[in-house]
Amino acid sequence: MEWVEDACVRRSMGRVDSSYDNALAESLWQSLKREAMYKTVFSMMSQARLEIFRWLTYYNARRRHSALAYLPPMELEQQHYATAKLSLAA
């Protein structure tokens, strides 16, 4: 893949026999498939793209995440900035 070197892109490869290297990415795709894709039959590619966009927007903004103490990412970010402002004011 000559273009990779030409573009100065560094390739990343997981270790052999390590299921943990890609665990977060695999969890994301599994959630997308289970929550948005398996329940729907799309007649057009544009419908599938729109549903994926909607789900990713929901996932990144409002869906509760166990890794974030079951808070939605937006709520956790708002708490972070509120705490940071209070620290600066003190």
PDB file of N, CA and C in Angstrom:
ATOM      1  N   MET A   1       0.848  -1.175   0.000  1.00  0.00           N
ATOM      2  CA  MET A   1       0.000   0.000   0.000  1.00  0.00           C
ATOM      3  C   MET A   1       0.891   1.235   0.000  1.00  0.00           C
ATOM      4  N   GLU A   2       1.288   1.574  -1.175  1.00  0.00           N
ATOM      5  CA  GLU A   2       2.210   2.696  -1.360  1.00  0.00           C
ATOM      6  C   GLU A   2       1.600   4.034  -0.953  1.00  0.00           C
ATOM      7  N   TRP A   3       0.309   4.194  -1.178  1.00  0.00           N
ATOM      8  CA  TRP A   3      -0.329   5.476  -0.865  1.00  0.00           C
ATOM      9  C   TRP A   3      -0.272   5.780   0.624  1.00  0.00           C
ATOM     10  N   VAL A   4      -0.211   4.745   1.453  1.00  0.00           N
ATOM     11  CA  VAL A   4      -0.143   4.945   2.900  1.00  0.00           C
ATOM     12  C   VAL A   4       1.150   5.680   3.257  1.00  0.00           C
ATOM     13  N   GLU A   5       2.258   5.208   2.711  1.00  0.00           N
ATOM     14  CA  GLU A   5       3.531   5.875   2.967  1.00  0.00           C
ATOM     15  C   GLU A   5       3.561   7.263   2.351  1.00  0.00           C
ATOM     16  N   ASP A   6       3.003   7.406   1.150  1.00  0.00           N
ATOM     17  CA  ASP A   6       2.966   8.714   0.482  1.00  0.00           C
ATOM     18  C   ASP A   6       2.170   9.738   1.288  1.00  0.00           C
ATOM     19  N   ALA A   7       1.119   9.291   1.959  1.00  0.00           N
ATOM     20  CA  ALA A   7       0.265  10.190   2.742  1.00  0.00           C
ATOM     21  C   ALA A   7       0.781  10.355   4.175  1.00  0.00           C
ATOM     22  N   CYS A   8       1.909   9.713   4.484  1.00  0.00           N
ATOM     23  CA  CYS A   8       2.487   9.776   5.835  1.00  0.00           C
ATOM     24  C   CYS A   8       1.504   9.279   6.900  1.00  0.00           C
ATOM     25  N   VAL A   9       0.761   8.240   6.572  1.00  0.00           N
ATOM     26  CA  VAL A   9      -0.187   7.645   7.505  1.00  0.00           C
ATOM     27  C   VAL A   9       0.500   6.478   8.197  1.00  0.00           C
ATOM     28  N   ARG A  10       0.330   6.404   9.512  1.00  0.00           N
ATOM     29  CA  ARG A  10       0.896   5.302  10.272  1.00  0.00           C
ATOM     30  C   ARG A  10      -0.184   4.250  10.491  1.00  0.00           C
ATOM     31  N   ARG A  11       0.047   3.046  10.014  1.00  0.00           N
ATOM     32  CA  ARG A  11      -0.923   1.970  10.179  1.00  0.00           C
ATOM     33  C   ARG A  11      -0.884   1.429  11.598  1.00  0.00           C
ATOM     34  N   SER A  12      -2.036   0.990  12.061  1.00  0.00           N
ATOM     35  CA  SER A  12      -2.133   0.426  13.394  1.00  0.00           C
ATOM     36  C   SER A  12      -2.679  -0.988  13.286  1.00  0.00           C
ATOM     37  N   MET A  13      -2.029  -1.891  13.940  1.00  0.00           N
ATOM     38  CA  MET A  13      -2.465  -3.288  13.923  1.00  0.00           C
ATOM     39  C   MET A  13      -2.565  -3.781  15.351  1.00  0.00           C
ATOM     40  N   GLY A  14      -3.584  -4.580  15.615  1.00  0.00           N
ATOM     41  CA  GLY A  14      -3.711  -5.177  16.929  1.00  0.00           C
ATOM     42  C   GLY A  14      -2.746  -6.336  17.094  1.00  0.00           C
ATOM     43  N   ARG A  15      -2.551  -6.723  18.325  1.00  0.00           N
ATOM     44  CA  ARG A  15      -1.675  -7.861  18.590  1.00  0.00           C
ATOM     45  C   ARG A  15      -2.399  -9.156  18.246  1.00  0.00           C
ATOM     46  N   VAL A  16      -1.647 -10.138  17.868  1.00  0.00           N
ATOM     47  CA  VAL A  16      -2.198 -11.456  17.554  1.00  0.00           C
ATOM     48  C   VAL A  16      -2.732 -12.075  18.836  1.00  0.00           C
ATOM     49  N   ASP A  17      -3.908 -12.670  18.756  1.00  0.00           N
ATOM     50  CA  ASP A  17      -4.545 -13.360  19.876  1.00  0.00           C
ATOM     51  C   ASP A  17      -4.904 -12.440  21.037  1.00  0.00           C
ATOM     52  N   SER A  18      -5.163 -11.164  20.773  1.00  0.00           N
ATOM     53  CA  SER A  18      -5.582 -10.249  21.834  1.00  0.00           C
ATOM     54  C   SER A  18      -6.947  -9.678  21.482  1.00  0.00           C
ATOM     55  N   SER A  19      -7.959 -10.176  22.151  1.00  0.00           N
ATOM     56  CA  SER A  19      -9.323  -9.717  21.867  1.00  0.00           C
ATOM     57  C   SER A  19      -9.596  -8.354  22.480  1.00  0.00           C
ATOM     58  N   TYR A  20      -8.707  -7.867  23.331  1.00  0.00           N
ATOM     59  CA  TYR A  20      -8.946  -6.605  24.023  1.00  0.00           C
ATOM     60  C   TYR A  20      -8.522  -5.388  23.208  1.00  0.00           C
ATOM     61  N   ASP A  21      -7.696  -5.574  22.189  1.00  0.00           N
ATOM     62  CA  ASP A  21      -7.222  -4.447  21.389  1.00  0.00           C
ATOM     63  C   ASP A  21      -8.371  -3.673  20.749  1.00  0.00           C
ATOM     64  N   ASN A  22      -9.388  -4.386  20.334  1.00  0.00           N
ATOM     65  CA  ASN A  22     -10.470  -3.762  19.579  1.00  0.00           C
ATOM     66  C   ASN A  22     -11.799  -3.816  20.318  1.00  0.00           C
ATOM     67  N   ALA A  23     -11.777  -4.051  21.595  1.00  0.00           N
ATOM     68  CA  ALA A  23     -13.010  -4.308  22.339  1.00  0.00           C
ATOM     69  C   ALA A  23     -13.989  -3.141  22.288  1.00  0.00           C
ATOM     70  N   LEU A  24     -13.513  -1.922  22.448  1.00  0.00           N
ATOM     71  CA  LEU A  24     -14.431  -0.774  22.443  1.00  0.00           C
ATOM     72  C   LEU A  24     -15.070  -0.575  21.080  1.00  0.00           C
ATOM     73  N   ALA A  25     -14.281  -0.693  20.028  1.00  0.00           N
ATOM     74  CA  ALA A  25     -14.837  -0.545  18.678  1.00  0.00           C
ATOM     75  C   ALA A  25     -15.846  -1.650  18.390  1.00  0.00           C
ATOM     76  N   GLU A  26     -15.522  -2.868  18.772  1.00  0.00           N
ATOM     77  CA  GLU A  26     -16.445  -3.980  18.536  1.00  0.00           C
ATOM     78  C   GLU A  26     -17.738  -3.794  19.321  1.00  0.00           C
ATOM     79  N   SER A  27     -17.645  -3.263  20.519  1.00  0.00           N
ATOM     80  CA  SER A  27     -18.826  -3.001  21.324  1.00  0.00           C
ATOM     81  C   SER A  27     -19.726  -1.962  20.651  1.00  0.00           C
ATOM     82  N   LEU A  28     -19.111  -0.921  20.099  1.00  0.00           N
ATOM     83  CA  LEU A  28     -19.879   0.102  19.377  1.00  0.00           C
ATOM     84  C   LEU A  28     -20.637  -0.508  18.211  1.00  0.00           C
ATOM     85  N   TRP A  29     -19.945  -1.287  17.376  1.00  0.00           N
ATOM     86  CA  TRP A  29     -20.611  -1.865  16.193  1.00  0.00           C
ATOM     87  C   TRP A  29     -21.691  -2.862  16.600  1.00  0.00           C
ATOM     88  N   GLN A  30     -21.453  -3.626  17.659  1.00  0.00           N
ATOM     89  CA  GLN A  30     -22.467  -4.576  18.121  1.00  0.00           C
ATOM     90  C   GLN A  30     -23.714  -3.828  18.586  1.00  0.00           C
ATOM     91  N   SER A  31     -23.518  -2.721  19.298  1.00  0.00           N
ATOM     92  CA  SER A  31     -24.665  -1.925  19.764  1.00  0.00           C
ATOM     93  C   SER A  31     -25.428  -1.332  18.590  1.00  0.00           C
ATOM     94  N   LEU A  32     -24.716  -0.822  17.610  1.00  0.00           N
ATOM     95  CA  LEU A  32     -25.366  -0.264  16.420  1.00  0.00           C
ATOM     96  C   LEU A  32     -26.211  -1.329  15.725  1.00  0.00           C
ATOM     97  N   LYS A  33     -25.638  -2.474  15.513  1.00  0.00           N
ATOM     98  CA  LYS A  33     -26.377  -3.547  14.837  1.00  0.00           C
ATOM     99  C   LYS A  33     -27.605  -3.959  15.636  1.00  0.00           C
ATOM    100  N   ARG A  34     -27.420  -4.180  16.939  1.00  0.00           N
ATOM    101  CA  ARG A  34     -28.522  -4.668  17.779  1.00  0.00           C
ATOM    102  C   ARG A  34     -29.629  -3.626  17.929  1.00  0.00           C
ATOM    103  N   GLU A  35     -29.252  -2.359  18.147  1.00  0.00           N
ATOM    104  CA  GLU A  35     -30.238  -1.333  18.469  1.00  0.00           C
ATOM    105  C   GLU A  35     -30.842  -0.649  17.252  1.00  0.00           C
ATOM    106  N   ALA A  36     -30.158  -0.638  16.127  1.00  0.00           N
ATOM    107  CA  ALA A  36     -30.666   0.142  14.994  1.00  0.00           C
ATOM    108  C   ALA A  36     -30.824  -0.643  13.697  1.00  0.00           C
ATOM    109  N   MET A  37     -30.004  -1.640  13.487  1.00  0.00           N
ATOM    110  CA  MET A  37     -30.006  -2.265  12.169  1.00  0.00           C
ATOM    111  C   MET A  37     -30.829  -3.549  12.079  1.00  0.00           C
ATOM    112  N   TYR A  38     -30.744  -4.414  13.079  1.00  0.00           N
ATOM    113  CA  TYR A  38     -31.399  -5.716  12.981  1.00  0.00           C
ATOM    114  C   TYR A  38     -32.920  -5.629  12.959  1.00  0.00           C
ATOM    115  N   LYS A  39     -33.479  -4.567  13.512  1.00  0.00           N
ATOM    116  CA  LYS A  39     -34.934  -4.482  13.600  1.00  0.00           C
ATOM    117  C   LYS A  39     -35.575  -3.875  12.364  1.00  0.00           C
ATOM    118  N   THR A  40     -34.783  -3.447  11.384  1.00  0.00           N
ATOM    119  CA  THR A  40     -35.318  -2.712  10.246  1.00  0.00           C
ATOM    120  C   THR A  40     -34.839  -3.300   8.926  1.00  0.00           C
ATOM    121  N   VAL A  41     -35.721  -3.332   7.957  1.00  0.00           N
ATOM    122  CA  VAL A  41     -35.354  -3.671   6.590  1.00  0.00           C
ATOM    123  C   VAL A  41     -35.419  -2.378   5.790  1.00  0.00           C
ATOM    124  N   PHE A  42     -34.306  -1.998   5.213  1.00  0.00           N
ATOM    125  CA  PHE A  42     -34.230  -0.752   4.463  1.00  0.00           C
ATOM    126  C   PHE A  42     -34.410  -1.028   2.982  1.00  0.00           C
ATOM    127  N   SER A  43     -35.227  -0.215   2.335  1.00  0.00           N
ATOM    128  CA  SER A  43     -35.438  -0.390   0.898  1.00  0.00           C
ATOM    129  C   SER A  43     -34.458   0.447   0.079  1.00  0.00           C
ATOM    130  N   MET A  44     -33.845   1.433   0.731  1.00  0.00           N
ATOM    131  CA  MET A  44     -32.890   2.289   0.022  1.00  0.00           C
ATOM    132  C   MET A  44     -31.669   2.525   0.915  1.00  0.00           C
ATOM    133  N   MET A  45     -30.513   2.671   0.295  1.00  0.00           N
ATOM    134  CA  MET A  45     -29.284   2.928   1.031  1.00  0.00           C
ATOM    135  C   MET A  45     -29.385   4.238   1.811  1.00  0.00           C
ATOM    136  N   SER A  46     -30.072   5.232   1.251  1.00  0.00           N
ATOM    137  CA  SER A  46     -30.195   6.522   1.941  1.00  0.00           C
ATOM    138  C   SER A  46     -30.953   6.371   3.263  1.00  0.00           C
ATOM    139  N   GLN A  47     -31.918   5.461   3.332  1.00  0.00           N
ATOM    140  CA  GLN A  47     -32.638   5.208   4.580  1.00  0.00           C
ATOM    141  C   GLN A  47     -31.707   4.603   5.623  1.00  0.00           C
ATOM    142  N   ALA A  48     -30.864   3.671   5.197  1.00  0.00           N
ATOM    143  CA  ALA A  48     -29.915   3.042   6.116  1.00  0.00           C
ATOM    144  C   ALA A  48     -28.922   4.079   6.635  1.00  0.00           C
ATOM    145  N   ARG A  49     -28.416   4.920   5.749  1.00  0.00           N
ATOM    146  CA  ARG A  49     -27.468   5.958   6.172  1.00  0.00           C
ATOM    147  C   ARG A  49     -28.103   6.917   7.170  1.00  0.00           C
ATOM    148  N   LEU A  50     -29.343   7.311   6.918  1.00  0.00           N
ATOM    149  CA  LEU A  50     -30.034   8.226   7.822  1.00  0.00           C
ATOM    150  C   LEU A  50     -30.244   7.583   9.187  1.00  0.00           C
ATOM    151  N   GLU A  51     -30.624   6.319   9.219  1.00  0.00           N
ATOM    152  CA  GLU A  51     -30.828   5.624  10.488  1.00  0.00           C
ATOM    153  C   GLU A  51     -29.514   5.499  11.256  1.00  0.00           C
ATOM    154  N   ILE A  52     -28.431   5.199  10.549  1.00  0.00           N
ATOM    155  CA  ILE A  52     -27.124   5.118  11.208  1.00  0.00           C
ATOM    156  C   ILE A  52     -26.736   6.475  11.779  1.00  0.00           C
ATOM    157  N   PHE A  53     -26.957   7.542  11.015  1.00  0.00           N
ATOM    158  CA  PHE A  53     -26.652   8.896  11.493  1.00  0.00           C
ATOM    159  C   PHE A  53     -27.481   9.222  12.737  1.00  0.00           C
ATOM    160  N   ARG A  54     -28.769   8.910  12.698  1.00  0.00           N
ATOM    161  CA  ARG A  54     -29.637   9.163  13.861  1.00  0.00           C
ATOM    162  C   ARG A  54     -29.155   8.401  15.093  1.00  0.00           C
ATOM    163  N   TRP A  55     -28.819   7.130  14.888  1.00  0.00           N
ATOM    164  CA  TRP A  55     -28.391   6.319  16.010  1.00  0.00           C
ATOM    165  C   TRP A  55     -27.062   6.821  16.577  1.00  0.00           C
ATOM    166  N   LEU A  56     -26.109   7.164  15.720  1.00  0.00           N
ATOM    167  CA  LEU A  56     -24.827   7.672  16.201  1.00  0.00           C
ATOM    168  C   LEU A  56     -24.991   8.989  16.957  1.00  0.00           C
ATOM    169  N   THR A  57     -25.904   9.831  16.495  1.00  0.00           N
ATOM    170  CA  THR A  57     -26.185  11.078  17.198  1.00  0.00           C
ATOM    171  C   THR A  57     -26.742  10.783  18.587  1.00  0.00           C
ATOM    172  N   TYR A  58     -27.673   9.852  18.648  1.00  0.00           N
ATOM    173  CA  TYR A  58     -28.239   9.423  19.934  1.00  0.00           C
ATOM    174  C   TYR A  58     -27.154   8.814  20.820  1.00  0.00           C
ATOM    175  N   TYR A  59     -26.353   7.919  20.266  1.00  0.00           N
ATOM    176  CA  TYR A  59     -25.322   7.206  21.023  1.00  0.00           C
ATOM    177  C   TYR A  59     -24.305   8.177  21.617  1.00  0.00           C
ATOM    178  N   ASN A  60     -23.903   9.162  20.837  1.00  0.00           N
ATOM    179  CA  ASN A  60     -22.867  10.098  21.279  1.00  0.00           C
ATOM    180  C   ASN A  60     -23.396  11.222  22.163  1.00  0.00           C
ATOM    181  N   ALA A  61     -24.689  11.424  22.181  1.00  0.00           N
ATOM    182  CA  ALA A  61     -25.230  12.559  22.931  1.00  0.00           C
ATOM    183  C   ALA A  61     -26.111  12.144  24.111  1.00  0.00           C
ATOM    184  N   ARG A  62     -27.023  11.212  23.898  1.00  0.00           N
ATOM    185  CA  ARG A  62     -28.046  10.970  24.909  1.00  0.00           C
ATOM    186  C   ARG A  62     -28.037   9.567  25.523  1.00  0.00           C
ATOM    187  N   ARG A  63     -27.446   8.602  24.874  1.00  0.00           N
ATOM    188  CA  ARG A  63     -27.487   7.229  25.387  1.00  0.00           C
ATOM    189  C   ARG A  63     -26.619   7.116  26.637  1.00  0.00           C
ATOM    190  N   ARG A  64     -27.133   6.438  27.654  1.00  0.00           N
ATOM    191  CA  ARG A  64     -26.374   6.230  28.887  1.00  0.00           C
ATOM    192  C   ARG A  64     -25.287   5.189  28.640  1.00  0.00           C
ATOM    193  N   HIS A  65     -24.095   5.466  29.151  1.00  0.00           N
ATOM    194  CA  HIS A  65     -22.949   4.579  28.952  1.00  0.00           C
ATOM    195  C   HIS A  65     -22.465   4.059  30.297  1.00  0.00           C
ATOM    196  N   SER A  66     -22.291   2.772  30.395  1.00  0.00           N
ATOM    197  CA  SER A  66     -21.822   2.180  31.650  1.00  0.00           C
ATOM    198  C   SER A  66     -20.431   2.701  32.010  1.00  0.00           C
ATOM    199  N   ALA A  67     -19.601   2.962  31.027  1.00  0.00           N
ATOM    200  CA  ALA A  67     -18.249   3.467  31.297  1.00  0.00           C
ATOM    201  C   ALA A  67     -18.264   4.904  31.822  1.00  0.00           C
ATOM    202  N   LEU A  68     -19.408   5.586  31.724  1.00  0.00           N
ATOM    203  CA  LEU A  68     -19.531   6.970  32.184  1.00  0.00           C
ATOM    204  C   LEU A  68     -20.465   7.063  33.381  1.00  0.00           C
ATOM    205  N   ALA A  69     -20.459   6.046  34.219  1.00  0.00           N
ATOM    206  CA  ALA A  69     -21.324   5.986  35.401  1.00  0.00           C
ATOM    207  C   ALA A  69     -22.797   6.092  35.009  1.00  0.00           C
ATOM    208  N   TYR A  70     -23.134   5.501  33.888  1.00  0.00           N
ATOM    209  CA  TYR A  70     -24.499   5.474  33.357  1.00  0.00           C
ATOM    210  C   TYR A  70     -25.066   6.869  33.097  1.00  0.00           C
ATOM    211  N   LEU A  71     -24.189   7.778  32.697  1.00  0.00           N
ATOM    212  CA  LEU A  71     -24.616   9.114  32.285  1.00  0.00           C
ATOM    213  C   LEU A  71     -24.494   9.226  30.770  1.00  0.00           C
ATOM    214  N   PRO A  72     -25.341  10.035  30.154  1.00  0.00           N
ATOM    215  CA  PRO A  72     -25.157  10.319  28.736  1.00  0.00           C
ATOM    216  C   PRO A  72     -23.899  11.182  28.556  1.00  0.00           C
ATOM    217  N   PRO A  73     -23.167  11.039  27.461  1.00  0.00           N
ATOM    218  CA  PRO A  73     -21.952  11.823  27.253  1.00  0.00           C
ATOM    219  C   PRO A  73     -22.154  13.328  27.384  1.00  0.00           C
ATOM    220  N   MET A  74     -23.254  13.864  26.870  1.00  0.00           N
ATOM    221  CA  MET A  74     -23.481  15.303  26.964  1.00  0.00           C
ATOM    222  C   MET A  74     -23.642  15.752  28.413  1.00  0.00           C
ATOM    223  N   GLU A  75     -24.338  14.961  29.208  1.00  0.00           N
ATOM    224  CA  GLU A  75     -24.539  15.313  30.613  1.00  0.00           C
ATOM    225  C   GLU A  75     -23.211  15.281  31.376  1.00  0.00           C
ATOM    226  N   LEU A  76     -22.403  14.255  31.112  1.00  0.00           N
ATOM    227  CA  LEU A  76     -21.101  14.158  31.753  1.00  0.00           C
ATOM    228  C   LEU A  76     -20.218  15.346  31.359  1.00  0.00           C
ATOM    229  N   GLU A  77     -20.260  15.724  30.097  1.00  0.00           N
ATOM    230  CA  GLU A  77     -19.462  16.865  29.636  1.00  0.00           C
ATOM    231  C   GLU A  77     -19.930  18.160  30.297  1.00  0.00           C
ATOM    232  N   GLN A  78     -21.233  18.343  30.424  1.00  0.00           N
ATOM    233  CA  GLN A  78     -21.758  19.543  31.089  1.00  0.00           C
ATOM    234  C   GLN A  78     -21.327  19.583  32.548  1.00  0.00           C
ATOM    235  N   GLN A  79     -21.367  18.446  33.224  1.00  0.00           N
ATOM    236  CA  GLN A  79     -20.911  18.384  34.616  1.00  0.00           C
ATOM    237  C   GLN A  79     -19.426  18.724  34.717  1.00  0.00           C
ATOM    238  N   HIS A  80     -18.661  18.218  33.772  1.00  0.00           N
ATOM    239  CA  HIS A  80     -17.223  18.480  33.766  1.00  0.00           C
ATOM    240  C   HIS A  80     -16.945  19.973  33.647  1.00  0.00           C
ATOM    241  N   TYR A  81     -17.603  20.636  32.689  1.00  0.00           N
ATOM    242  CA  TYR A  81     -17.346  22.061  32.488  1.00  0.00           C
ATOM    243  C   TYR A  81     -17.883  22.898  33.658  1.00  0.00           C
ATOM    244  N   ALA A  82     -18.986  22.478  34.254  1.00  0.00           N
ATOM    245  CA  ALA A  82     -19.499  23.197  35.418  1.00  0.00           C
ATOM    246  C   ALA A  82     -18.514  23.088  36.573  1.00  0.00           C
ATOM    247  N   THR A  83     -17.947  21.910  36.780  1.00  0.00           N
ATOM    248  CA  THR A  83     -16.968  21.705  37.846  1.00  0.00           C
ATOM    249  C   THR A  83     -15.691  22.501  37.555  1.00  0.00           C
ATOM    250  N   ALA A  84     -15.270  22.503  36.299  1.00  0.00           N
ATOM    251  CA  ALA A  84     -14.065  23.243  35.919  1.00  0.00           C
ATOM    252  C   ALA A  84     -14.243  24.733  36.148  1.00  0.00           C
ATOM    253  N   LYS A  85     -15.423  25.282  35.824  1.00  0.00           N
ATOM    254  CA  LYS A  85     -15.684  26.703  36.042  1.00  0.00           C
ATOM    255  C   LYS A  85     -15.683  27.025  37.527  1.00  0.00           C
ATOM    256  N   LEU A  86     -16.265  26.145  38.336  1.00  0.00           N
ATOM    257  CA  LEU A  86     -16.269  26.369  39.781  1.00  0.00           C
ATOM    258  C   LEU A  86     -14.851  26.347  40.338  1.00  0.00           C
ATOM    259  N   SER A  87     -14.015  25.465  39.829  1.00  0.00           N
ATOM    260  CA  SER A  87     -12.632  25.378  40.300  1.00  0.00           C
ATOM    261  C   SER A  87     -11.870  26.658  39.944  1.00  0.00           C
ATOM    262  N   LEU A  88     -12.106  27.176  38.739  1.00  0.00           N
ATOM    263  CA  LEU A  88     -11.435  28.395  38.310  1.00  0.00           C
ATOM    264  C   LEU A  88     -11.890  29.608  39.122  1.00  0.00           C
ATOM    265  N   ALA A  89     -13.166  29.615  39.493  1.00  0.00           N
ATOM    266  CA  ALA A  89     -13.709  30.748  40.237  1.00  0.00           C
ATOM    267  C   ALA A  89     -13.206  30.775  41.679  1.00  0.00           C
ATOM    268  N   ALA A  90     -12.867  29.625  42.210  1.00  0.00           N
ATOM    269  CA  ALA A  90     -12.452  29.543  43.618  1.00  0.00           C
ATOM    270  C   ALA A  90     -11.040  29.961  43.822  1.00  0.00           C
TER     271      ALA A  90
END
